[in-house]
Amino acid sequence: MRIGDHIQNSLNRRTFLANSGVGLGAAALSSLLSGETTASAKSPSKQSLVGGLPGLPHFAPKAKRVIFLCMAGGPTHLETFDYKPKLAAMDGKPFPVSYTKGQPIAQLQGKELKCQGPLTKFRKYGKSGQEVSDFLPWTAKIADDICIIRSMVTEQINHDPAHTFLNTGTAISGRPSMGSWITYGLGSETEELPGFVVLTSVGGRNPQPIASRQWGTGFLPSRYQGVQFNSTGDPVNYLKNPAGVSARQQKELIDTVQTLDRFRNQRVANPEIETRIAAYEMAFKMQTSVPELMDLSGESKQTLEMYGAEPGSGTYATNCLLARRLAERGSRFIHLYHRGWDHHGDLVRHMKTCCGLTDKPTWALINDLKQRGMLDETLVIWGGEFGRTPMFQGKGGAGRDHHIKGFSLWMAGGGIKSGITHGATDELGYNSVEDIVNVRDLHATILHLLGINHQQFSVEFQGLDTKLTGVEEAHVIKDILT
């Protein structure tokens, strides 16, 4: 077939799909209408859609799934998990030039730098004696369940590239997200719901936008793209049938389109056509499974109160409960974004807002998973794209600028030691100095806990064996593993 004929057939095909009038849902449409040449990677057969690639996992996994609680905007490590008495003693004094000379600083570049001491108190909790700030009284209750990493570093100092690096292992846009890598390799444990689901909520200062490419598939088959559920209203667009279209008519039309797809694929063997077929099947199943997922009427009053969940509200609390329900139903990677942690000024007020919205629901999620016997097989991660500076920034009250040289996050569940602190920053909280953990090391560790050797998990793209952990050396954080 001539290239021109192929393009014309593709255009006719897209016109037919776009005008078919079927309520497929935005999740399916994003797969159906993506470019036919998106993936150079070999796509698994329909039989391996749930099970993932042959040969994976490489070894017995300690976790079956991941719930990533992303505090978008960059929560301050200095008011959450990294208390610095020396910084408190130097409050208001000039910040030592030796720390910052030649270093990238976001909005404080070229300005007079002064030390900003901790803006809250810290206390030790649990048998482990982990230090947690007064902003997080509910997280303090799970101090013996979490592993706090105080020595994180990243490579991008502004929000969007930092999120891109956190999600894909590179600042280059258009690469697969970690959720896509994981569902591509391992598949999902459900045929009724997407293997990779994204939920967002808002509350705090200056909610940063989160681009949908943060959960994109890049060069992987588009069936592994994260599916964003809406916070309010219909969870997925166009999920309901149009007026006058019955379930039987819907199924007949989908079967007809799938027959045409398979006939076409016999001639061109394009993995994206397999994606389209799978997407139609998933969309049809989601018309039943998604409303059931979102219906919280079966949850006890005690559970709803524990989370602070309000059905249909789109809050972080409700999203945490939905994350547990998705985990129960077999989704592999569940990514929650709470937008509002960019505290350049008036930090105390905004921390109270953000922590008020997220602290108790996070505790509830860990507690709920633990009570249901799911925490041991669920890896939960809490953290943002970077931390905040030990230097003062004032916009309507004391605040902090973006910081990449040292920040904190925590992990819990599936294969992670509980009640420990790993790594450290220096006495002012500026540089990670002990057991330094790069974002790539975090990725390597996530893959390892899922039974994947990050060095052996790659896809050929533009002549290179491309990995989530990139070409730089990445290490599994062995000291935090059970």
Protein backbone atom coordinates (compact mmCIF):
# COMPACT_ATOMS: atom_id res chain seq x y z
CA MET A 1 0.00 0.00 0.00
CA ARG A 2 1.23 3.50 -0.85
CA ILE A 3 1.88 5.85 2.13
CA GLY A 4 -0.75 8.25 0.84
CA ASP A 5 -3.38 5.50 0.80
CA HIS A 6 -2.47 4.53 4.36
CA ILE A 7 -2.84 8.12 5.57
CA GLN A 8 -6.19 8.51 3.80
CA ASN A 9 -7.47 5.26 5.33
CA SER A 10 -6.33 6.49 8.75
CA LEU A 11 -8.21 9.77 8.29
CA ASN A 12 -11.37 7.96 7.18
CA ARG A 13 -11.03 5.65 10.16
CA ARG A 14 -10.65 8.54 12.60
CA THR A 15 -13.70 10.27 11.11
CA PHE A 16 -15.74 7.11 11.58
CA LEU A 17 -14.62 6.68 15.19
CA ALA A 18 -15.13 10.33 16.06
CA ASN A 19 -18.67 10.37 14.65
CA SER A 20 -19.82 6.96 15.84
CA GLY A 21 -21.81 8.53 18.69
CA VAL A 22 -20.74 5.94 21.25
CA GLY A 23 -20.23 7.03 24.86
CA LEU A 24 -16.81 5.47 25.25
CA GLY A 25 -15.32 7.71 27.88
CA ALA A 26 -12.38 10.06 27.61
CA ALA A 27 -10.04 7.35 28.85
CA ALA A 28 -10.81 5.12 25.90
CA LEU A 29 -10.85 7.94 23.38
CA SER A 30 -7.37 9.05 24.40
CA SER A 31 -6.14 5.60 23.45
CA LEU A 32 -8.33 5.21 20.38
CA LEU A 33 -7.31 8.48 18.78
CA SER A 34 -3.60 8.49 19.58
CA GLY A 35 -1.15 8.26 16.69
CA GLU A 36 -0.74 4.90 15.00
CA THR A 37 3.05 5.21 15.07
CA THR A 38 3.34 6.21 18.73
CA ALA A 39 4.88 2.98 19.94
CA SER A 40 8.03 1.43 18.60
CA ALA A 41 7.83 -0.99 21.52
CA LYS A 42 6.38 -4.42 20.98
CA SER A 43 2.87 -4.55 22.39
CA PRO A 44 1.76 -7.54 24.48
CA SER A 45 -0.94 -9.72 23.00
CA LYS A 46 -4.50 -9.46 24.20
CA GLN A 47 -3.93 -12.48 26.44
CA SER A 48 -1.15 -10.67 28.32
CA LEU A 49 -3.07 -7.39 28.72
CA VAL A 50 -3.73 -8.14 32.40
CA GLY A 51 -0.57 -10.12 33.08
CA GLY A 52 2.06 -7.84 31.53
CA LEU A 53 5.16 -8.76 29.54
CA PRO A 54 6.50 -12.31 29.39
CA GLY A 55 9.37 -12.82 31.83
CA LEU A 56 8.15 -10.21 34.30
CA PRO A 57 8.41 -9.92 37.19
CA HIS A 58 12.09 -10.85 37.21
CA PHE A 59 11.83 -12.11 40.79
CA ALA A 60 9.25 -12.44 43.54
CA PRO A 61 7.76 -9.01 44.25
CA LYS A 62 7.19 -7.61 47.72
CA ALA A 63 4.51 -5.20 46.51
CA LYS A 64 1.65 -5.76 44.10
CA ARG A 65 0.70 -2.15 43.53
CA VAL A 66 1.71 1.48 44.15
CA ILE A 67 -0.23 4.41 45.59
CA PHE A 68 1.74 7.62 45.07
CA LEU A 69 0.51 10.56 47.15
CA CYS A 70 2.04 13.55 45.36
CA MET A 71 1.97 16.81 47.29
CA ALA A 72 2.28 18.98 44.19
CA GLY A 73 4.09 22.27 44.71
CA GLY A 74 6.87 21.03 46.96
CA PRO A 75 6.15 20.63 50.69
CA THR A 76 8.77 22.02 53.03
CA HIS A 77 10.94 19.35 54.63
CA LEU A 78 11.90 21.86 57.33
CA GLU A 79 8.33 21.99 58.69
CA THR A 80 7.43 18.32 58.19
CA PHE A 81 10.15 15.72 58.83
CA ASP A 82 13.57 17.40 59.10
CA TYR A 83 14.05 19.44 62.27
CA LYS A 84 17.20 21.62 62.33
CA PRO A 85 18.13 23.14 65.73
CA LYS A 86 21.09 24.97 64.16
CA LEU A 87 18.80 26.65 61.66
CA ALA A 88 16.53 27.70 64.52
CA ALA A 89 19.51 29.22 66.32
CA MET A 90 20.50 31.19 63.20
CA ASP A 91 17.01 32.49 62.45
CA GLY A 92 17.24 35.94 60.83
CA LYS A 93 21.02 35.83 60.39
CA PRO A 94 22.74 35.96 56.97
CA PHE A 95 22.76 32.56 55.28
CA PRO A 96 26.36 31.33 54.78
CA VAL A 97 27.52 32.14 51.23
CA SER A 98 29.54 28.92 51.15
CA TYR A 99 26.30 26.95 50.79
CA THR A 100 24.75 28.88 47.94
CA LYS A 101 27.66 30.14 45.82
CA GLY A 102 27.18 28.88 42.27
CA GLN A 103 24.04 26.95 43.24
CA PRO A 104 20.69 27.20 41.40
CA ILE A 105 18.03 29.05 43.38
CA ALA A 106 14.60 29.79 41.96
CA GLN A 107 13.14 33.17 42.97
CA LEU A 108 15.81 34.06 45.54
CA GLN A 109 18.62 34.20 42.99
CA GLY A 110 20.66 37.39 43.49
CA LYS A 111 18.78 38.46 46.63
CA GLU A 112 19.96 38.89 50.21
CA LEU A 113 19.66 35.50 51.87
CA LYS A 114 18.70 35.14 55.52
CA CYS A 115 18.17 32.00 57.60
CA GLN A 116 14.57 31.04 58.25
CA GLY A 117 14.21 28.87 61.35
CA PRO A 118 11.52 26.18 61.67
CA LEU A 119 8.04 27.68 61.81
CA THR A 120 6.59 24.95 63.99
CA LYS A 121 7.64 22.52 66.68
CA PHE A 122 8.75 18.91 66.24
CA ARG A 123 8.18 15.97 68.57
CA LYS A 124 9.20 12.32 68.67
CA TYR A 125 6.50 9.71 68.16
CA GLY A 126 5.95 6.01 68.50
CA LYS A 127 8.34 3.32 69.62
CA SER A 128 10.65 4.40 66.80
CA GLY A 129 10.93 7.99 68.05
CA GLN A 130 10.53 9.42 64.57
CA GLU A 131 10.47 13.24 64.50
CA VAL A 132 7.34 14.72 62.96
CA SER A 133 6.20 18.34 63.02
CA ASP A 134 3.11 19.68 64.73
CA PHE A 135 1.62 20.39 61.30
CA LEU A 136 1.14 16.62 60.86
CA PRO A 137 -0.50 15.24 64.02
CA TRP A 138 -2.20 12.39 62.16
CA THR A 139 0.92 11.33 60.29
CA ALA A 140 2.59 11.28 63.71
CA LYS A 141 0.21 8.46 64.65
CA ILE A 142 1.73 6.25 61.91
CA ALA A 143 5.35 7.09 62.72
CA ASP A 144 6.03 3.39 63.36
CA ASP A 145 4.55 2.44 59.96
CA ILE A 146 6.56 4.72 57.69
CA CYS A 147 10.14 5.09 56.50
CA ILE A 148 11.16 8.73 56.29
CA ILE A 149 13.82 9.54 53.69
CA ARG A 150 15.47 12.86 54.57
CA SER A 151 18.15 12.89 51.85
CA MET A 152 16.23 13.23 48.58
CA VAL A 153 17.71 15.23 45.70
CA THR A 154 16.31 16.11 42.30
CA GLU A 155 17.65 17.87 39.22
CA GLN A 156 14.96 20.38 38.26
CA ILE A 157 14.16 23.52 40.24
CA ASN A 158 10.86 24.62 38.64
CA HIS A 159 7.56 22.84 39.04
CA ASP A 160 6.73 21.40 35.64
CA PRO A 161 10.21 20.04 34.79
CA ALA A 162 10.55 18.79 38.37
CA HIS A 163 7.28 16.88 38.06
CA THR A 164 8.42 15.58 34.69
CA PHE A 165 11.66 14.33 36.23
CA LEU A 166 9.83 12.80 39.20
CA ASN A 167 7.34 11.03 36.95
CA THR A 168 9.52 9.98 34.01
CA GLY A 169 13.13 10.03 35.20
CA THR A 170 14.06 12.79 32.77
CA ALA A 171 13.22 16.44 32.18
CA ILE A 172 12.60 15.67 28.50
CA SER A 173 8.88 15.88 27.78
CA GLY A 174 7.16 12.99 26.06
CA ARG A 175 8.80 10.08 27.89
CA PRO A 176 6.71 7.37 29.60
CA SER A 177 5.61 7.99 33.16
CA MET A 178 6.49 5.53 35.91
CA GLY A 179 2.87 4.38 36.10
CA SER A 180 2.94 3.60 32.38
CA TRP A 181 6.27 1.79 32.66
CA ILE A 182 4.92 -0.35 35.50
CA THR A 183 1.60 -1.24 33.88
CA TYR A 184 3.40 -1.93 30.59
CA GLY A 185 5.73 -4.37 32.34
CA LEU A 186 3.37 -5.97 34.84
CA GLY A 187 -0.07 -5.27 33.46
CA SER A 188 -2.99 -4.97 35.84
CA GLU A 189 -4.94 -7.29 38.09
CA THR A 190 -8.26 -6.11 36.70
CA GLU A 191 -9.97 -6.15 33.33
CA GLU A 192 -12.78 -3.95 34.58
CA LEU A 193 -10.82 -0.78 35.46
CA PRO A 194 -7.70 0.95 34.13
CA GLY A 195 -4.43 -0.32 35.55
CA PHE A 196 -3.15 3.24 35.99
CA VAL A 197 -5.53 5.83 37.49
CA VAL A 198 -4.95 9.50 38.35
CA LEU A 199 -6.97 11.54 40.86
CA THR A 200 -6.42 15.23 41.62
CA SER A 201 -7.53 17.62 44.34
CA VAL A 202 -6.89 21.28 45.18
CA GLY A 203 -6.37 23.25 48.37
CA GLY A 204 -3.67 25.63 49.56
CA ARG A 205 -1.62 28.35 47.90
CA ASN A 206 -1.34 28.82 44.13
CA PRO A 207 -2.31 25.34 42.90
CA GLN A 208 0.18 24.50 40.16
CA PRO A 209 -1.30 23.02 36.98
CA ILE A 210 -0.51 19.37 36.35
CA ALA A 211 -0.21 18.52 32.64
CA SER A 212 -1.76 15.25 31.46
CA ARG A 213 1.59 14.28 29.91
CA GLN A 214 2.74 13.63 33.48
CA TRP A 215 0.85 10.34 33.21
CA GLY A 216 1.42 9.80 29.50
CA THR A 217 2.88 6.74 27.79
CA GLY A 218 5.48 8.46 25.63
CA PHE A 219 6.78 5.84 23.20
CA LEU A 220 5.03 2.93 24.96
CA PRO A 221 1.70 1.63 23.63
CA SER A 222 -0.99 4.10 24.55
CA ARG A 223 -3.14 1.55 26.36
CA TYR A 224 -0.81 2.09 29.34
CA GLN A 225 -1.59 5.78 29.72
CA GLY A 226 -2.89 6.93 33.09
CA VAL A 227 -6.62 7.57 33.14
CA GLN A 228 -7.64 10.72 35.00
CA PHE A 229 -10.91 10.50 36.88
CA ASN A 230 -12.76 13.79 37.26
CA SER A 231 -13.01 15.21 40.76
CA THR A 232 -16.69 16.09 40.45
CA GLY A 233 -19.54 15.17 38.13
CA ASP A 234 -19.13 12.15 35.87
CA PRO A 235 -15.85 10.46 36.82
CA VAL A 236 -15.03 9.85 33.16
CA ASN A 237 -16.34 11.95 30.28
CA TYR A 238 -18.79 10.36 27.84
CA LEU A 239 -19.05 7.21 29.95
CA LYS A 240 -22.84 7.14 29.74
CA ASN A 241 -24.62 6.05 26.60
CA PRO A 242 -26.17 8.82 24.50
CA ALA A 243 -29.93 9.13 24.74
CA GLY A 244 -31.65 6.38 22.77
CA VAL A 245 -28.66 4.03 22.69
CA SER A 246 -29.23 0.83 24.64
CA ALA A 247 -26.54 -1.39 26.12
CA ARG A 248 -27.30 -4.00 23.43
CA GLN A 249 -26.88 -1.47 20.61
CA GLN A 250 -23.69 -0.23 22.23
CA LYS A 251 -22.28 -3.77 22.37
CA GLU A 252 -23.25 -4.51 18.76
CA LEU A 253 -21.53 -1.38 17.50
CA ILE A 254 -18.39 -2.07 19.53
CA ASP A 255 -18.30 -5.67 18.23
CA THR A 256 -18.60 -4.39 14.66
CA VAL A 257 -15.79 -1.86 15.10
CA GLN A 258 -13.60 -4.50 16.71
CA THR A 259 -14.20 -6.83 13.77
CA LEU A 260 -13.06 -4.06 11.41
CA ASP A 261 -10.06 -3.37 13.64
CA ARG A 262 -8.99 -7.00 13.65
CA PHE A 263 -9.42 -7.25 9.89
CA ARG A 264 -7.25 -4.17 9.49
CA ASN A 265 -4.64 -5.52 11.91
CA GLN A 266 -4.29 -8.74 9.91
CA ARG A 267 -2.90 -6.58 7.12
CA VAL A 268 -0.70 -4.11 9.01
CA ALA A 269 0.04 -5.76 12.40
CA ASN A 270 0.06 -2.39 14.18
CA PRO A 271 0.21 -2.56 18.00
CA GLU A 272 -1.88 0.62 18.26
CA ILE A 273 -4.80 -1.19 16.61
CA GLU A 274 -4.60 -3.78 19.40
CA THR A 275 -4.67 -0.81 21.77
CA ARG A 276 -7.85 0.45 20.13
CA ILE A 277 -9.53 -2.93 20.41
CA ALA A 278 -8.56 -3.21 24.06
CA ALA A 279 -9.73 0.34 24.70
CA TYR A 280 -13.19 -0.38 23.30
CA GLU A 281 -13.47 -3.44 25.51
CA MET A 282 -12.27 -1.51 28.56
CA ALA A 283 -14.63 1.40 27.88
CA PHE A 284 -17.61 -0.92 27.66
CA LYS A 285 -16.68 -2.60 30.97
CA MET A 286 -16.02 0.78 32.62
CA GLN A 287 -19.62 1.78 32.03
CA THR A 288 -20.47 -0.65 34.81
CA SER A 289 -17.30 -0.78 36.90
CA VAL A 290 -16.62 2.98 37.26
CA PRO A 291 -20.06 3.92 38.64
CA GLU A 292 -19.72 1.02 41.09
CA LEU A 293 -16.25 2.22 42.10
CA MET A 294 -17.44 5.77 42.72
CA ASP A 295 -20.55 4.70 44.66
CA LEU A 296 -19.49 5.00 48.30
CA SER A 297 -22.89 4.03 49.70
CA GLY A 298 -21.50 0.61 50.62
CA GLU A 299 -18.81 2.12 52.82
CA SER A 300 -19.60 2.28 56.52
CA LYS A 301 -20.25 5.58 58.25
CA GLN A 302 -17.18 4.86 60.36
CA THR A 303 -14.98 4.52 57.26
CA LEU A 304 -16.32 7.71 55.68
CA GLU A 305 -15.71 9.61 58.90
CA MET A 306 -12.24 8.13 59.30
CA TYR A 307 -11.21 9.52 55.91
CA GLY A 308 -13.41 12.61 56.07
CA ALA A 309 -14.71 11.53 52.65
CA GLU A 310 -17.72 13.15 51.03
CA PRO A 311 -19.06 11.32 47.96
CA GLY A 312 -18.75 13.42 44.81
CA SER A 313 -16.75 16.18 46.50
CA GLY A 314 -13.44 15.62 44.69
CA THR A 315 -11.48 16.21 47.88
CA TYR A 316 -8.16 14.59 48.73
CA ALA A 317 -9.97 12.69 51.50
CA THR A 318 -12.42 11.18 49.03
CA ASN A 319 -9.60 10.42 46.60
CA CYS A 320 -7.72 8.52 49.33
CA LEU A 321 -10.77 6.34 49.89
CA LEU A 322 -11.11 5.81 46.14
CA ALA A 323 -7.42 4.85 46.05
CA ARG A 324 -8.10 2.07 48.53
CA ARG A 325 -11.10 0.93 46.47
CA LEU A 326 -9.03 0.95 43.27
CA ALA A 327 -6.30 -1.05 45.02
CA GLU A 328 -8.89 -3.61 46.14
CA ARG A 329 -10.17 -3.94 42.59
CA GLY A 330 -6.75 -4.56 41.04
CA SER A 331 -5.44 -1.27 39.64
CA ARG A 332 -1.64 -1.42 39.56
CA PHE A 333 -0.63 2.26 39.92
CA ILE A 334 -2.80 4.89 41.59
CA HIS A 335 -1.48 8.46 41.54
CA LEU A 336 -3.04 11.16 43.70
CA TYR A 337 -2.04 14.80 43.23
CA HIS A 338 -2.94 17.41 45.82
CA ARG A 339 -2.18 20.84 44.36
CA GLY A 340 -1.46 23.66 46.78
CA TRP A 341 1.99 23.19 48.40
CA ASP A 342 3.87 26.06 46.70
CA HIS A 343 4.47 28.14 49.83
CA HIS A 344 6.65 31.10 48.87
CA GLY A 345 4.99 33.20 51.57
CA ASP A 346 2.58 32.98 54.49
CA LEU A 347 3.81 29.43 54.96
CA VAL A 348 2.19 28.79 58.33
CA ARG A 349 -1.31 29.62 57.10
CA HIS A 350 -0.96 27.61 53.90
CA MET A 351 0.62 24.65 55.69
CA LYS A 352 -2.34 24.58 58.05
CA THR A 353 -4.65 24.50 55.03
CA CYS A 354 -2.77 21.80 53.13
CA CYS A 355 -2.13 19.62 56.15
CA GLY A 356 -5.71 20.10 57.31
CA LEU A 357 -6.90 18.69 54.00
CA THR A 358 -4.41 15.85 53.61
CA ASP A 359 -2.97 14.75 56.97
CA LYS A 360 -5.88 12.79 58.40
CA PRO A 361 -6.91 11.16 55.08
CA THR A 362 -3.31 9.98 54.58
CA TRP A 363 -3.36 8.44 58.06
CA ALA A 364 -6.75 6.91 57.28
CA LEU A 365 -5.46 5.33 54.06
CA ILE A 366 -2.50 3.69 55.81
CA ASN A 367 -4.70 2.62 58.71
CA ASP A 368 -7.40 1.24 56.39
CA LEU A 369 -4.93 -0.71 54.24
CA LYS A 370 -3.35 -2.10 57.39
CA GLN A 371 -6.69 -3.18 58.88
CA ARG A 372 -7.65 -4.92 55.64
CA GLY A 373 -4.33 -6.78 55.38
CA MET A 374 -3.39 -4.84 52.23
CA LEU A 375 -0.53 -2.64 53.41
CA ASP A 376 2.07 -5.40 53.20
CA GLU A 377 1.42 -5.71 49.45
CA THR A 378 0.79 -2.02 48.71
CA LEU A 379 3.66 0.45 48.37
CA VAL A 380 2.54 3.90 49.52
CA ILE A 381 4.73 6.97 48.80
CA TRP A 382 4.17 10.52 50.11
CA GLY A 383 6.14 13.49 48.81
CA GLY A 384 6.48 16.32 46.31
CA GLU A 385 8.66 17.25 43.37
CA PHE A 386 11.22 19.08 45.57
CA GLY A 387 11.59 20.74 48.99
CA ARG A 388 11.93 24.34 50.21
CA THR A 389 14.91 26.53 51.04
CA PRO A 390 16.30 27.07 54.54
CA MET A 391 16.37 30.76 53.56
CA PHE A 392 13.58 33.26 54.17
CA GLN A 393 11.27 34.33 51.38
CA GLY A 394 8.52 36.75 52.30
CA LYS A 395 5.28 37.17 50.42
CA GLY A 396 2.56 37.97 52.93
CA GLY A 397 4.53 36.33 55.74
CA ALA A 398 7.50 34.00 56.06
CA GLY A 399 7.85 31.49 53.26
CA ARG A 400 10.44 29.39 51.43
CA ASP A 401 11.63 29.09 47.82
CA HIS A 402 12.04 25.92 45.71
CA HIS A 403 14.89 23.64 46.78
CA ILE A 404 16.43 20.59 45.07
CA LYS A 405 19.55 19.76 47.11
CA GLY A 406 17.79 18.14 50.04
CA PHE A 407 14.19 17.28 50.91
CA SER A 408 12.07 14.58 52.51
CA LEU A 409 9.48 12.00 51.54
CA TRP A 410 8.22 8.83 53.14
CA MET A 411 7.38 5.32 52.03
CA ALA A 412 5.32 2.61 53.69
CA GLY A 413 4.02 -0.89 53.07
CA GLY A 414 5.11 -3.44 50.47
CA GLY A 415 8.67 -4.38 51.39
CA ILE A 416 9.65 -1.17 53.20
CA LYS A 417 11.10 -1.18 56.74
CA SER A 418 8.80 0.64 59.12
CA GLY A 419 9.65 3.14 61.81
CA ILE A 420 13.04 4.18 60.42
CA THR A 421 14.64 7.36 59.10
CA HIS A 422 17.06 7.11 56.18
CA GLY A 423 19.63 9.71 55.20
CA ALA A 424 20.21 13.24 56.43
CA THR A 425 20.74 16.79 55.31
CA ASP A 426 23.39 19.11 56.77
CA GLU A 427 22.80 21.14 59.94
CA LEU A 428 20.96 23.86 58.02
CA GLY A 429 18.87 21.51 55.88
CA TYR A 430 20.43 22.68 52.63
CA ASN A 431 22.43 19.74 51.20
CA SER A 432 21.74 16.04 51.48
CA VAL A 433 24.93 14.68 53.00
CA GLU A 434 24.21 11.14 54.20
CA ASP A 435 22.83 8.22 52.16
CA ILE A 436 21.81 10.56 49.34
CA VAL A 437 18.79 9.40 47.31
CA ASN A 438 18.29 10.68 43.76
CA VAL A 439 14.85 10.45 42.16
CA ARG A 440 16.32 7.75 39.89
CA ASP A 441 17.19 5.71 42.99
CA LEU A 442 13.57 6.06 44.08
CA HIS A 443 12.44 4.70 40.71
CA ALA A 444 14.89 1.80 40.91
CA THR A 445 13.58 0.95 44.38
CA ILE A 446 9.92 1.10 43.31
CA LEU A 447 10.64 -1.25 40.42
CA HIS A 448 12.64 -3.58 42.68
CA LEU A 449 9.77 -3.86 45.16
CA LEU A 450 7.49 -4.80 42.26
CA GLY A 451 9.89 -7.56 41.24
CA ILE A 452 11.59 -5.71 38.36
CA ASN A 453 15.33 -5.32 37.86
CA HIS A 454 15.56 -1.74 36.60
CA GLN A 455 18.74 -2.50 34.64
CA GLN A 456 16.95 -5.21 32.66
CA PHE A 457 13.73 -3.31 32.00
CA SER A 458 14.12 -1.27 28.84
CA VAL A 459 12.52 -0.49 25.49
CA GLU A 460 14.40 0.32 22.31
CA PHE A 461 13.61 3.89 21.29
CA GLN A 462 15.52 5.93 18.70
CA GLY A 463 18.28 3.35 18.72
CA LEU A 464 18.74 3.36 22.50
CA ASP A 465 17.74 0.93 25.23
CA THR A 466 15.63 3.42 27.17
CA LYS A 467 14.83 2.88 30.85
CA LEU A 468 12.76 4.60 33.50
CA THR A 469 15.98 5.03 35.48
CA GLY A 470 17.78 6.55 32.48
CA VAL A 471 21.43 6.23 31.49
CA GLU A 472 22.74 7.57 34.80
CA GLU A 473 23.64 5.01 37.44
CA ALA A 474 20.71 4.31 39.75
CA HIS A 475 20.73 2.26 42.94
CA VAL A 476 18.09 0.36 44.85
CA ILE A 477 17.89 1.81 48.38
CA LYS A 478 18.65 -1.53 50.05
CA ASP A 479 18.88 -0.18 53.60
CA ILE A 480 15.16 0.59 53.69
CA LEU A 481 14.00 -2.81 52.43
CA THR A 482 12.70 -5.59 54.66
